[in-house]
Amino acid sequence: MTYYKLHYACVSCRVSFKQHACPPREHLCPNCARPLICAGHDFAPPPRRDVRGWSVVAAVLREGLRYEGRSACGCGKEPKYRPRTRAELRVRQIIATRDGLPLSETFSRPDPLSPSAG
C-alpha cells in the first residue's frame, strides 16, 4: 500500500511542506514554531510573495476545508473546487451571508449559485 504525503502549510510564514500524517506528532513550522495546518493531498501553494493568494488559502483553511481530490485508494484524481482569487472568495462570502449558508459550503462550490455543494 502506498502512503501519500500530505501538504502542511503555515499561513503566517507563507510556506508549505509535504510530510507523512503522524497522528501522535504535531507538525510545527520551522520558521515560527506554530502548528502547521493540514492542507490536504492536492494543495498547490501560491508563491511566497503572493500575499493575496495566501489570504485566500488562509480563508479556505480557516473554514476547515482541505485541498483534496484523491480518494483513499488514490484512483480519483480530480481535485475538488476551492476559490483561488480574492474576487471568487468575495463573491462566495456575499452569497453565504445573503442566503444564510456556511462559508465552507459556498467555498466548495464551483458555481456559487448552484444549490448542491461539490
PDB file of N, CA and C in Angstrom:
ATOM      1  N   MET A   1       0.847  -1.180   0.000  1.00  0.00           N
ATOM      2  CA  MET A   1       0.000   0.000   0.000  1.00  0.00           C
ATOM      3  C   MET A   1       0.890   1.241   0.000  1.00  0.00           C
ATOM      4  N   THR A   2       0.503   2.232  -0.769  1.00  0.00           N
ATOM      5  CA  THR A   2       1.251   3.472  -0.868  1.00  0.00           C
ATOM      6  C   THR A   2       0.680   4.497   0.098  1.00  0.00           C
ATOM      7  N   TYR A   3       1.557   5.145   0.834  1.00  0.00           N
ATOM      8  CA  TYR A   3       1.143   6.211   1.742  1.00  0.00           C
ATOM      9  C   TYR A   3       1.603   7.535   1.149  1.00  0.00           C
ATOM     10  N   TYR A   4       0.638   8.364   0.792  1.00  0.00           N
ATOM     11  CA  TYR A   4       0.953   9.646   0.196  1.00  0.00           C
ATOM     12  C   TYR A   4       1.178  10.685   1.282  1.00  0.00           C
ATOM     13  N   LYS A   5       2.128  11.563   1.036  1.00  0.00           N
ATOM     14  CA  LYS A   5       2.390  12.632   1.992  1.00  0.00           C
ATOM     15  C   LYS A   5       1.317  13.705   1.851  1.00  0.00           C
ATOM     16  N   LEU A   6       1.037  14.369   2.942  1.00  0.00           N
ATOM     17  CA  LEU A   6       0.087  15.480   2.967  1.00  0.00           C
ATOM     18  C   LEU A   6       0.857  16.794   2.942  1.00  0.00           C
ATOM     19  N   HIS A   7       0.200  17.819   2.419  1.00  0.00           N
ATOM     20  CA  HIS A   7       0.770  19.164   2.461  1.00  0.00           C
ATOM     21  C   HIS A   7       0.366  19.807   3.779  1.00  0.00           C
ATOM     22  N   TYR A   8       1.320  20.410   4.451  1.00  0.00           N
ATOM     23  CA  TYR A   8       1.066  21.172   5.661  1.00  0.00           C
ATOM     24  C   TYR A   8       1.525  22.597   5.394  1.00  0.00           C
ATOM     25  N   ALA A   9       0.722  23.581   5.806  1.00  0.00           N
ATOM     26  CA  ALA A   9       1.011  24.977   5.492  1.00  0.00           C
ATOM     27  C   ALA A   9       1.055  25.831   6.746  1.00  0.00           C
ATOM     28  N   CYS A  10       1.931  26.824   6.716  1.00  0.00           N
ATOM     29  CA  CYS A  10       1.950  27.881   7.726  1.00  0.00           C
ATOM     30  C   CYS A  10       1.558  29.153   6.989  1.00  0.00           C
ATOM     31  N   VAL A  11       0.369  29.629   7.267  1.00  0.00           N
ATOM     32  CA  VAL A  11      -0.157  30.781   6.537  1.00  0.00           C
ATOM     33  C   VAL A  11       0.590  32.054   6.914  1.00  0.00           C
ATOM     34  N   SER A  12       0.972  32.198   8.181  1.00  0.00           N
ATOM     35  CA  SER A  12       1.653  33.425   8.597  1.00  0.00           C
ATOM     36  C   SER A  12       3.044  33.544   7.968  1.00  0.00           C
ATOM     37  N   CYS A  13       3.752  32.429   7.768  1.00  0.00           N
ATOM     38  CA  CYS A  13       5.069  32.449   7.117  1.00  0.00           C
ATOM     39  C   CYS A  13       4.972  32.260   5.605  1.00  0.00           C
ATOM     40  N   ARG A  14       3.787  31.856   5.112  1.00  0.00           N
ATOM     41  CA  ARG A  14       3.538  31.592   3.695  1.00  0.00           C
ATOM     42  C   ARG A  14       4.487  30.522   3.141  1.00  0.00           C
ATOM     43  N   VAL A  15       4.525  29.389   3.853  1.00  0.00           N
ATOM     44  CA  VAL A  15       5.327  28.250   3.409  1.00  0.00           C
ATOM     45  C   VAL A  15       4.499  26.981   3.538  1.00  0.00           C
ATOM     46  N   SER A  16       4.894  25.953   2.788  1.00  0.00           N
ATOM     47  CA  SER A  16       4.227  24.654   2.917  1.00  0.00           C
ATOM     48  C   SER A  16       5.266  23.549   2.807  1.00  0.00           C
ATOM     49  N   PHE A  17       4.920  22.418   3.394  1.00  0.00           N
ATOM     50  CA  PHE A  17       5.810  21.266   3.425  1.00  0.00           C
ATOM     51  C   PHE A  17       4.991  20.014   3.187  1.00  0.00           C
ATOM     52  N   LYS A  18       5.610  18.997   2.590  1.00  0.00           N
ATOM     53  CA  LYS A  18       4.963  17.692   2.439  1.00  0.00           C
ATOM     54  C   LYS A  18       5.542  16.782   3.510  1.00  0.00           C
ATOM     55  N   GLN A  19       4.648  16.220   4.325  1.00  0.00           N
ATOM     56  CA  GLN A  19       5.076  15.336   5.396  1.00  0.00           C
ATOM     57  C   GLN A  19       4.075  14.205   5.531  1.00  0.00           C
ATOM     58  N   HIS A  20       4.538  13.110   6.104  1.00  0.00           N
ATOM     59  CA  HIS A  20       3.634  11.995   6.384  1.00  0.00           C
ATOM     60  C   HIS A  20       2.692  12.386   7.512  1.00  0.00           C
ATOM     61  N   ALA A  21       1.475  11.895   7.449  1.00  0.00           N
ATOM     62  CA  ALA A  21       0.497  12.156   8.506  1.00  0.00           C
ATOM     63  C   ALA A  21       0.821  11.245   9.685  1.00  0.00           C
ATOM     64  N   CYS A  22       1.193  11.834  10.780  1.00  0.00           N
ATOM     65  CA  CYS A  22       1.501  11.078  12.004  1.00  0.00           C
ATOM     66  C   CYS A  22       0.570  11.582  13.091  1.00  0.00           C
ATOM     67  N   PRO A  23      -0.478  10.853  13.429  1.00  0.00           N
ATOM     68  CA  PRO A  23      -1.450  11.337  14.397  1.00  0.00           C
ATOM     69  C   PRO A  23      -0.874  11.772  15.747  1.00  0.00           C
ATOM     70  N   PRO A  24       0.082  11.029  16.332  1.00  0.00           N
ATOM     71  CA  PRO A  24       0.544  11.485  17.644  1.00  0.00           C
ATOM     72  C   PRO A  24       1.487  12.686  17.574  1.00  0.00           C
ATOM     73  N   ARG A  25       2.049  12.960  16.401  1.00  0.00           N
ATOM     74  CA  ARG A  25       3.037  14.027  16.269  1.00  0.00           C
ATOM     75  C   ARG A  25       2.405  15.286  15.682  1.00  0.00           C
ATOM     76  N   GLU A  26       2.689  16.417  16.297  1.00  0.00           N
ATOM     77  CA  GLU A  26       2.216  17.695  15.772  1.00  0.00           C
ATOM     78  C   GLU A  26       3.307  18.266  14.868  1.00  0.00           C
ATOM     79  N   HIS A  27       2.924  18.700  13.681  1.00  0.00           N
ATOM     80  CA  HIS A  27       3.878  19.284  12.747  1.00  0.00           C
ATOM     81  C   HIS A  27       4.010  20.770  13.055  1.00  0.00           C
ATOM     82  N   LEU A  28       5.235  21.228  13.264  1.00  0.00           N
ATOM     83  CA  LEU A  28       5.490  22.622  13.604  1.00  0.00           C
ATOM     84  C   LEU A  28       6.241  23.310  12.480  1.00  0.00           C
ATOM     85  N   CYS A  29       5.960  24.592  12.318  1.00  0.00           N
ATOM     86  CA  CYS A  29       6.647  25.405  11.318  1.00  0.00           C
ATOM     87  C   CYS A  29       8.100  25.612  11.775  1.00  0.00           C
ATOM     88  N   PRO A  30       9.066  25.367  10.906  1.00  0.00           N
ATOM     89  CA  PRO A  30      10.460  25.588  11.301  1.00  0.00           C
ATOM     90  C   PRO A  30      10.821  27.064  11.449  1.00  0.00           C
ATOM     91  N   ASN A  31       9.995  27.953  10.882  1.00  0.00           N
ATOM     92  CA  ASN A  31      10.279  29.392  10.980  1.00  0.00           C
ATOM     93  C   ASN A  31       9.740  30.021  12.252  1.00  0.00           C
ATOM     94  N   CYS A  32       8.468  29.728  12.586  1.00  0.00           N
ATOM     95  CA  CYS A  32       7.818  30.406  13.712  1.00  0.00           C
ATOM     96  C   CYS A  32       7.427  29.458  14.843  1.00  0.00           C
ATOM     97  N   ALA A  33       7.579  28.162  14.654  1.00  0.00           N
ATOM     98  CA  ALA A  33       7.267  27.128  15.653  1.00  0.00           C
ATOM     99  C   ALA A  33       5.779  27.024  15.974  1.00  0.00           C
ATOM    100  N   ARG A  34       4.918  27.583  15.143  1.00  0.00           N
ATOM    101  CA  ARG A  34       3.474  27.409  15.314  1.00  0.00           C
ATOM    102  C   ARG A  34       3.062  26.108  14.643  1.00  0.00           C
ATOM    103  N   PRO A  35       1.928  25.528  15.055  1.00  0.00           N
ATOM    104  CA  PRO A  35       1.476  24.297  14.399  1.00  0.00           C
ATOM    105  C   PRO A  35       1.126  24.549  12.932  1.00  0.00           C
ATOM    106  N   LEU A  36       1.521  23.623  12.075  1.00  0.00           N
ATOM    107  CA  LEU A  36       1.169  23.691  10.659  1.00  0.00           C
ATOM    108  C   LEU A  36      -0.257  23.198  10.470  1.00  0.00           C
ATOM    109  N   ILE A  37      -0.944  23.745   9.470  1.00  0.00           N
ATOM    110  CA  ILE A  37      -2.317  23.355   9.155  1.00  0.00           C
ATOM    111  C   ILE A  37      -2.257  22.344   8.017  1.00  0.00           C
ATOM    112  N   CYS A  38      -2.984  21.257   8.167  1.00  0.00           N
ATOM    113  CA  CYS A  38      -3.032  20.251   7.112  1.00  0.00           C
ATOM    114  C   CYS A  38      -3.854  20.801   5.952  1.00  0.00           C
ATOM    115  N   ALA A  39      -3.224  20.906   4.779  1.00  0.00           N
ATOM    116  CA  ALA A  39      -3.891  21.474   3.612  1.00  0.00           C
ATOM    117  C   ALA A  39      -4.375  20.409   2.636  1.00  0.00           C
ATOM    118  N   GLY A  40      -4.065  19.145   2.864  1.00  0.00           N
ATOM    119  CA  GLY A  40      -4.558  18.075   2.009  1.00  0.00           C
ATOM    120  C   GLY A  40      -3.527  17.574   1.019  1.00  0.00           C
ATOM    121  N   HIS A  41      -3.944  16.602   0.229  1.00  0.00           N
ATOM    122  CA  HIS A  41      -3.045  15.971  -0.739  1.00  0.00           C
ATOM    123  C   HIS A  41      -2.795  16.830  -1.973  1.00  0.00           C
ATOM    124  N   ASP A  42      -3.796  17.596  -2.409  1.00  0.00           N
ATOM    125  CA  ASP A  42      -3.716  18.298  -3.690  1.00  0.00           C
ATOM    126  C   ASP A  42      -3.485  19.800  -3.553  1.00  0.00           C
ATOM    127  N   PHE A  43      -2.887  20.232  -2.462  1.00  0.00           N
ATOM    128  CA  PHE A  43      -2.627  21.654  -2.237  1.00  0.00           C
ATOM    129  C   PHE A  43      -1.495  22.119  -3.140  1.00  0.00           C
ATOM    130  N   ALA A  44      -1.730  23.202  -3.843  1.00  0.00           N
ATOM    131  CA  ALA A  44      -0.697  23.832  -4.669  1.00  0.00           C
ATOM    132  C   ALA A  44      -0.475  25.226  -4.103  1.00  0.00           C
ATOM    133  N   PRO A  45       0.567  25.416  -3.304  1.00  0.00           N
ATOM    134  CA  PRO A  45       0.744  26.709  -2.639  1.00  0.00           C
ATOM    135  C   PRO A  45       1.063  27.822  -3.627  1.00  0.00           C
ATOM    136  N   PRO A  46       0.528  29.006  -3.359  1.00  0.00           N
ATOM    137  CA  PRO A  46       0.925  30.151  -4.186  1.00  0.00           C
ATOM    138  C   PRO A  46       2.368  30.521  -3.865  1.00  0.00           C
ATOM    139  N   PRO A  47       3.007  31.303  -4.719  1.00  0.00           N
ATOM    140  CA  PRO A  47       4.367  31.741  -4.398  1.00  0.00           C
ATOM    141  C   PRO A  47       4.388  32.519  -3.077  1.00  0.00           C
ATOM    142  N   ARG A  48       5.505  32.476  -2.405  1.00  0.00           N
ATOM    143  CA  ARG A  48       5.606  33.110  -1.084  1.00  0.00           C
ATOM    144  C   ARG A  48       5.324  34.604  -1.152  1.00  0.00           C
ATOM    145  N   ARG A  49       5.681  35.250  -2.220  1.00  0.00           N
ATOM    146  CA  ARG A  49       5.475  36.706  -2.348  1.00  0.00           C
ATOM    147  C   ARG A  49       4.022  37.073  -2.671  1.00  0.00           C
ATOM    148  N   ASP A  50       3.187  36.081  -3.002  1.00  0.00           N
ATOM    149  CA  ASP A  50       1.787  36.316  -3.365  1.00  0.00           C
ATOM    150  C   ASP A  50       0.925  36.410  -2.097  1.00  0.00           C
ATOM    151  N   VAL A  51       0.896  37.574  -1.495  1.00  0.00           N
ATOM    152  CA  VAL A  51       0.168  37.790  -0.236  1.00  0.00           C
ATOM    153  C   VAL A  51      -1.329  37.601  -0.442  1.00  0.00           C
ATOM    154  N   ARG A  52      -1.847  38.052  -1.558  1.00  0.00           N
ATOM    155  CA  ARG A  52      -3.281  37.901  -1.835  1.00  0.00           C
ATOM    156  C   ARG A  52      -3.670  36.439  -2.004  1.00  0.00           C
ATOM    157  N   GLY A  53      -2.853  35.684  -2.703  1.00  0.00           N
ATOM    158  CA  GLY A  53      -3.124  34.259  -2.860  1.00  0.00           C
ATOM    159  C   GLY A  53      -3.120  33.528  -1.528  1.00  0.00           C
ATOM    160  N   TRP A  54      -2.174  33.885  -0.658  1.00  0.00           N
ATOM    161  CA  TRP A  54      -2.113  33.253   0.661  1.00  0.00           C
ATOM    162  C   TRP A  54      -3.283  33.678   1.547  1.00  0.00           C
ATOM    163  N   SER A  55      -3.846  34.879   1.312  1.00  0.00           N
ATOM    164  CA  SER A  55      -5.021  35.279   2.090  1.00  0.00           C
ATOM    165  C   SER A  55      -6.229  34.417   1.720  1.00  0.00           C
ATOM    166  N   VAL A  56      -6.317  34.010   0.452  1.00  0.00           N
ATOM    167  CA  VAL A  56      -7.388  33.111   0.016  1.00  0.00           C
ATOM    168  C   VAL A  56      -7.183  31.727   0.639  1.00  0.00           C
ATOM    169  N   VAL A  57      -5.945  31.243   0.617  1.00  0.00           N
ATOM    170  CA  VAL A  57      -5.630  29.953   1.239  1.00  0.00           C
ATOM    171  C   VAL A  57      -5.984  29.985   2.716  1.00  0.00           C
ATOM    172  N   ALA A  58      -5.657  31.079   3.395  1.00  0.00           N
ATOM    173  CA  ALA A  58      -5.962  31.204   4.827  1.00  0.00           C
ATOM    174  C   ALA A  58      -7.456  31.127   5.081  1.00  0.00           C
ATOM    175  N   ALA A  59      -8.257  31.784   4.239  1.00  0.00           N
ATOM    176  CA  ALA A  59      -9.714  31.756   4.416  1.00  0.00           C
ATOM    177  C   ALA A  59     -10.270  30.352   4.199  1.00  0.00           C
ATOM    178  N   VAL A  60      -9.766  29.645   3.201  1.00  0.00           N
ATOM    179  CA  VAL A  60     -10.238  28.285   2.918  1.00  0.00           C
ATOM    180  C   VAL A  60      -9.872  27.351   4.072  1.00  0.00           C
ATOM    181  N   LEU A  61      -8.630  27.414   4.525  1.00  0.00           N
ATOM    182  CA  LEU A  61      -8.188  26.541   5.613  1.00  0.00           C
ATOM    183  C   LEU A  61      -8.872  26.888   6.934  1.00  0.00           C
ATOM    184  N   ARG A  62      -9.163  28.159   7.143  1.00  0.00           N
ATOM    185  CA  ARG A  62      -9.854  28.594   8.367  1.00  0.00           C
ATOM    186  C   ARG A  62     -11.254  27.977   8.460  1.00  0.00           C
ATOM    187  N   GLU A  63     -11.867  27.705   7.318  1.00  0.00           N
ATOM    188  CA  GLU A  63     -13.191  27.089   7.298  1.00  0.00           C
ATOM    189  C   GLU A  63     -13.133  25.574   7.450  1.00  0.00           C
ATOM    190  N   GLY A  64     -11.944  25.040   7.626  1.00  0.00           N
ATOM    191  CA  GLY A  64     -11.809  23.604   7.837  1.00  0.00           C
ATOM    192  C   GLY A  64     -11.768  22.792   6.557  1.00  0.00           C
ATOM    193  N   LEU A  65     -11.665  23.448   5.416  1.00  0.00           N
ATOM    194  CA  LEU A  65     -11.598  22.742   4.139  1.00  0.00           C
ATOM    195  C   LEU A  65     -10.148  22.397   3.829  1.00  0.00           C
ATOM    196  N   ARG A  66      -9.970  21.321   3.090  1.00  0.00           N
ATOM    197  CA  ARG A  66      -8.647  20.914   2.631  1.00  0.00           C
ATOM    198  C   ARG A  66      -8.677  20.812   1.121  1.00  0.00           C
ATOM    199  N   TYR A  67      -7.523  20.864   0.532  1.00  0.00           N
ATOM    200  CA  TYR A  67      -7.395  20.734  -0.917  1.00  0.00           C
ATOM    201  C   TYR A  67      -7.248  19.251  -1.224  1.00  0.00           C
ATOM    202  N   GLU A  68      -8.382  18.602  -1.474  1.00  0.00           N
ATOM    203  CA  GLU A  68      -8.412  17.161  -1.708  1.00  0.00           C
ATOM    204  C   GLU A  68      -9.090  16.866  -3.032  1.00  0.00           C
ATOM    205  N   GLY A  69      -8.799  15.731  -3.563  1.00  0.00           N
ATOM    206  CA  GLY A  69      -9.439  15.253  -4.764  1.00  0.00           C
ATOM    207  C   GLY A  69      -9.206  13.774  -4.899  1.00  0.00           C
ATOM    208  N   ARG A  70      -8.111  13.342  -4.348  1.00  0.00           N
ATOM    209  CA  ARG A  70      -7.746  11.934  -4.429  1.00  0.00           C
ATOM    210  C   ARG A  70      -8.551  11.139  -3.417  1.00  0.00           C
ATOM    211  N   SER A  71      -9.100  10.027  -3.840  1.00  0.00           N
ATOM    212  CA  SER A  71      -9.809   9.149  -2.926  1.00  0.00           C
ATOM    213  C   SER A  71      -8.788   8.373  -2.095  1.00  0.00           C
ATOM    214  N   ALA A  72      -9.251   7.651  -1.102  1.00  0.00           N
ATOM    215  CA  ALA A  72      -8.355   6.919  -0.209  1.00  0.00           C
ATOM    216  C   ALA A  72      -7.477   5.927  -0.965  1.00  0.00           C
ATOM    217  N   CYS A  73      -8.012   5.362  -2.035  1.00  0.00           N
ATOM    218  CA  CYS A  73      -7.228   4.374  -2.795  1.00  0.00           C
ATOM    219  C   CYS A  73      -6.289   5.041  -3.796  1.00  0.00           C
ATOM    220  N   GLY A  74      -6.446   6.337  -4.046  1.00  0.00           N
ATOM    221  CA  GLY A  74      -5.569   7.050  -4.960  1.00  0.00           C
ATOM    222  C   GLY A  74      -6.024   7.058  -6.404  1.00  0.00           C
ATOM    223  N   CYS A  75      -7.226   6.518  -6.683  1.00  0.00           N
ATOM    224  CA  CYS A  75      -7.652   6.439  -8.082  1.00  0.00           C
ATOM    225  C   CYS A  75      -8.425   7.675  -8.543  1.00  0.00           C
ATOM    226  N   GLY A  76      -9.072   8.403  -7.653  1.00  0.00           N
ATOM    227  CA  GLY A  76      -9.801   9.604  -8.040  1.00  0.00           C
ATOM    228  C   GLY A  76      -8.860  10.782  -8.112  1.00  0.00           C
ATOM    229  N   LYS A  77      -8.576  11.283  -9.305  1.00  0.00           N
ATOM    230  CA  LYS A  77      -7.543  12.298  -9.455  1.00  0.00           C
ATOM    231  C   LYS A  77      -8.088  13.702  -9.728  1.00  0.00           C
ATOM    232  N   GLU A  78      -9.376  13.897  -9.711  1.00  0.00           N
ATOM    233  CA  GLU A  78      -9.966  15.209  -9.998  1.00  0.00           C
ATOM    234  C   GLU A  78     -10.068  16.006  -8.696  1.00  0.00           C
ATOM    235  N   PRO A  79      -9.278  17.088  -8.542  1.00  0.00           N
ATOM    236  CA  PRO A  79      -9.352  17.866  -7.298  1.00  0.00           C
ATOM    237  C   PRO A  79     -10.691  18.579  -7.149  1.00  0.00           C
ATOM    238  N   LYS A  80     -11.116  18.732  -5.920  1.00  0.00           N
ATOM    239  CA  LYS A  80     -12.352  19.457  -5.631  1.00  0.00           C
ATOM    240  C   LYS A  80     -12.105  20.952  -5.805  1.00  0.00           C
ATOM    241  N   TYR A  81     -13.177  21.689  -6.039  1.00  0.00           N
ATOM    242  CA  TYR A  81     -13.060  23.126  -6.260  1.00  0.00           C
ATOM    243  C   TYR A  81     -12.730  23.861  -4.955  1.00  0.00           C
ATOM    244  N   ARG A  82     -11.858  24.833  -5.042  1.00  0.00           N
ATOM    245  CA  ARG A  82     -11.581  25.789  -3.979  1.00  0.00           C
ATOM    246  C   ARG A  82     -11.341  27.137  -4.652  1.00  0.00           C
ATOM    247  N   PRO A  83     -11.796  28.250  -4.039  1.00  0.00           N
ATOM    248  CA  PRO A  83     -11.539  29.561  -4.649  1.00  0.00           C
ATOM    249  C   PRO A  83     -10.036  29.838  -4.734  1.00  0.00           C
ATOM    250  N   ARG A  84      -9.611  30.505  -5.805  1.00  0.00           N
ATOM    251  CA  ARG A  84      -8.192  30.785  -5.991  1.00  0.00           C
ATOM    252  C   ARG A  84      -7.875  32.275  -5.957  1.00  0.00           C
ATOM    253  N   THR A  85      -8.902  33.119  -6.143  1.00  0.00           N
ATOM    254  CA  THR A  85      -8.667  34.564  -6.131  1.00  0.00           C
ATOM    255  C   THR A  85      -9.525  35.226  -5.066  1.00  0.00           C
ATOM    256  N   ARG A  86      -9.153  36.436  -4.711  1.00  0.00           N
ATOM    257  CA  ARG A  86      -9.936  37.169  -3.714  1.00  0.00           C
ATOM    258  C   ARG A  86     -11.311  37.529  -4.252  1.00  0.00           C
ATOM    259  N   ALA A  87     -11.433  37.721  -5.564  1.00  0.00           N
ATOM    260  CA  ALA A  87     -12.740  38.022  -6.151  1.00  0.00           C
ATOM    261  C   ALA A  87     -13.677  36.828  -5.999  1.00  0.00           C
ATOM    262  N   GLU A  88     -13.185  35.623  -6.279  1.00  0.00           N
ATOM    263  CA  GLU A  88     -14.006  34.420  -6.101  1.00  0.00           C
ATOM    264  C   GLU A  88     -14.398  34.259  -4.632  1.00  0.00           C
ATOM    265  N   LEU A  89     -13.471  34.533  -3.756  1.00  0.00           N
ATOM    266  CA  LEU A  89     -13.732  34.431  -2.319  1.00  0.00           C
ATOM    267  C   LEU A  89     -14.790  35.436  -1.882  1.00  0.00           C
ATOM    268  N   ARG A  90     -14.678  36.654  -2.366  1.00  0.00           N
ATOM    269  CA  ARG A  90     -15.619  37.714  -2.008  1.00  0.00           C
ATOM    270  C   ARG A  90     -17.038  37.391  -2.476  1.00  0.00           C
ATOM    271  N   VAL A  91     -17.178  36.882  -3.692  1.00  0.00           N
ATOM    272  CA  VAL A  91     -18.497  36.512  -4.221  1.00  0.00           C
ATOM    273  C   VAL A  91     -19.129  35.441  -3.344  1.00  0.00           C
ATOM    274  N   ARG A  92     -18.348  34.445  -2.961  1.00  0.00           N
ATOM    275  CA  ARG A  92     -18.872  33.359  -2.127  1.00  0.00           C
ATOM    276  C   ARG A  92     -19.225  33.831  -0.717  1.00  0.00           C
ATOM    277  N   GLN A  93     -18.479  34.784  -0.181  1.00  0.00           N
ATOM    278  CA  GLN A  93     -18.810  35.345   1.132  1.00  0.00           C
ATOM    279  C   GLN A  93     -20.117  36.123   1.074  1.00  0.00           C
ATOM    280  N   ILE A  94     -20.329  36.866   0.015  1.00  0.00           N
ATOM    281  CA  ILE A  94     -21.569  37.630  -0.144  1.00  0.00           C
ATOM    282  C   ILE A  94     -22.758  36.682  -0.255  1.00  0.00           C
ATOM    283  N   ILE A  95     -22.616  35.632  -1.060  1.00  0.00           N
ATOM    284  CA  ILE A  95     -23.708  34.672  -1.232  1.00  0.00           C
ATOM    285  C   ILE A  95     -23.995  33.938   0.072  1.00  0.00           C
ATOM    286  N   ALA A  96     -22.950  33.571   0.813  1.00  0.00           N
ATOM    287  CA  ALA A  96     -23.150  32.882   2.096  1.00  0.00           C
ATOM    288  C   ALA A  96     -23.891  33.772   3.080  1.00  0.00           C
ATOM    289  N   THR A  97     -23.545  35.033   3.138  1.00  0.00           N
ATOM    290  CA  THR A  97     -24.222  35.963   4.032  1.00  0.00           C
ATOM    291  C   THR A  97     -25.669  36.183   3.602  1.00  0.00           C
ATOM    292  N   ARG A  98     -25.875  36.377   2.306  1.00  0.00           N
ATOM    293  CA  ARG A  98     -27.216  36.632   1.775  1.00  0.00           C
ATOM    294  C   ARG A  98     -28.149  35.452   1.983  1.00  0.00           C
ATOM    295  N   ASP A  99     -27.659  34.236   1.730  1.00  0.00           N
ATOM    296  CA  ASP A  99     -28.501  33.046   1.804  1.00  0.00           C
ATOM    297  C   ASP A  99     -28.453  32.342   3.153  1.00  0.00           C
ATOM    298  N   GLY A 100     -27.620  32.826   4.068  1.00  0.00           N
ATOM    299  CA  GLY A 100     -27.515  32.202   5.378  1.00  0.00           C
ATOM    300  C   GLY A 100     -26.868  30.829   5.347  1.00  0.00           C
ATOM    301  N   LEU A 101     -25.913  30.638   4.437  1.00  0.00           N
ATOM    302  CA  LEU A 101     -25.224  29.356   4.298  1.00  0.00           C
ATOM    303  C   LEU A 101     -23.862  29.415   4.995  1.00  0.00           C
ATOM    304  N   PRO A 102     -23.343  28.272   5.415  1.00  0.00           N
ATOM    305  CA  PRO A 102     -21.985  28.272   5.957  1.00  0.00           C
ATOM    306  C   PRO A 102     -20.963  28.581   4.864  1.00  0.00           C
ATOM    307  N   LEU A 103     -19.904  29.294   5.238  1.00  0.00           N
ATOM    308  CA  LEU A 103     -18.872  29.639   4.264  1.00  0.00           C
ATOM    309  C   LEU A 103     -18.245  28.392   3.655  1.00  0.00           C
ATOM    310  N   SER A 104     -18.065  27.352   4.451  1.00  0.00           N
ATOM    311  CA  SER A 104     -17.427  26.147   3.925  1.00  0.00           C
ATOM    312  C   SER A 104     -18.234  25.545   2.774  1.00  0.00           C
ATOM    313  N   GLU A 105     -19.540  25.692   2.823  1.00  0.00           N
ATOM    314  CA  GLU A 105     -20.374  25.162   1.742  1.00  0.00           C
ATOM    315  C   GLU A 105     -20.221  25.983   0.471  1.00  0.00           C
ATOM    316  N   THR A 106     -20.224  27.302   0.579  1.00  0.00           N
ATOM    317  CA  THR A 106     -20.091  28.129  -0.623  1.00  0.00           C
ATOM    318  C   THR A 106     -18.662  28.109  -1.170  1.00  0.00           C
ATOM    319  N   PHE A 107     -17.651  27.895  -0.316  1.00  0.00           N
ATOM    320  CA  PHE A 107     -16.265  27.803  -0.798  1.00  0.00           C
ATOM    321  C   PHE A 107     -16.028  26.529  -1.589  1.00  0.00           C
ATOM    322  N   SER A 108     -16.843  25.511  -1.375  1.00  0.00           N
ATOM    323  CA  SER A 108     -16.617  24.235  -2.056  1.00  0.00           C
ATOM    324  C   SER A 108     -17.437  24.090  -3.343  1.00  0.00           C
ATOM    325  N   ARG A 109     -18.139  25.115  -3.750  1.00  0.00           N
ATOM    326  CA  ARG A 109     -18.948  25.069  -4.980  1.00  0.00           C
ATOM    327  C   ARG A 109     -18.216  25.710  -6.150  1.00  0.00           C
ATOM    328  N   PRO A 110     -18.149  25.023  -7.286  1.00  0.00           N
ATOM    329  CA  PRO A 110     -17.575  25.671  -8.476  1.00  0.00           C
ATOM    330  C   PRO A 110     -18.426  26.855  -8.928  1.00  0.00           C
ATOM    331  N   ASP A 111     -19.747  26.701  -8.841  1.00  0.00           N
ATOM    332  CA  ASP A 111     -20.669  27.777  -9.162  1.00  0.00           C
ATOM    333  C   ASP A 111     -21.350  28.177  -7.860  1.00  0.00           C
ATOM    334  N   PRO A 112     -21.105  29.383  -7.372  1.00  0.00           N
ATOM    335  CA  PRO A 112     -21.659  29.760  -6.064  1.00  0.00           C
ATOM    336  C   PRO A 112     -23.183  29.789  -6.012  1.00  0.00           C
ATOM    337  N   LEU A 113     -23.844  29.864  -7.163  1.00  0.00           N
ATOM    338  CA  LEU A 113     -25.294  29.917  -7.171  1.00  0.00           C
ATOM    339  C   LEU A 113     -25.949  28.554  -7.293  1.00  0.00           C
ATOM    340  N   SER A 114     -25.145  27.504  -7.497  1.00  0.00           N
ATOM    341  CA  SER A 114     -25.720  26.166  -7.609  1.00  0.00           C
ATOM    342  C   SER A 114     -26.169  25.687  -6.232  1.00  0.00           C
ATOM    343  N   PRO A 115     -27.283  24.953  -6.168  1.00  0.00           N
ATOM    344  CA  PRO A 115     -27.808  24.538  -4.885  1.00  0.00           C
ATOM    345  C   PRO A 115     -27.048  23.411  -4.207  1.00  0.00           C
ATOM    346  N   SER A 116     -26.284  22.597  -4.958  1.00  0.00           N
ATOM    347  CA  SER A 116     -25.603  21.470  -4.341  1.00  0.00           C
ATOM    348  C   SER A 116     -24.122  21.771  -4.175  1.00  0.00           C
ATOM    349  N   ALA A 117     -23.577  21.328  -3.038  1.00  0.00           N
ATOM    350  CA  ALA A 117     -22.142  21.526  -2.779  1.00  0.00           C
ATOM    351  C   ALA A 117     -21.346  20.475  -3.530  1.00  0.00           C
ATOM    352  N   GLY A 118     -20.142  20.866  -3.999  1.00  0.00           N
ATOM    353  CA  GLY A 118     -19.319  19.952  -4.776  1.00  0.00           C
ATOM    354  C   GLY A 118     -18.243  19.292  -4.026  1.00  0.00           C
TER     355      GLY A 118
END
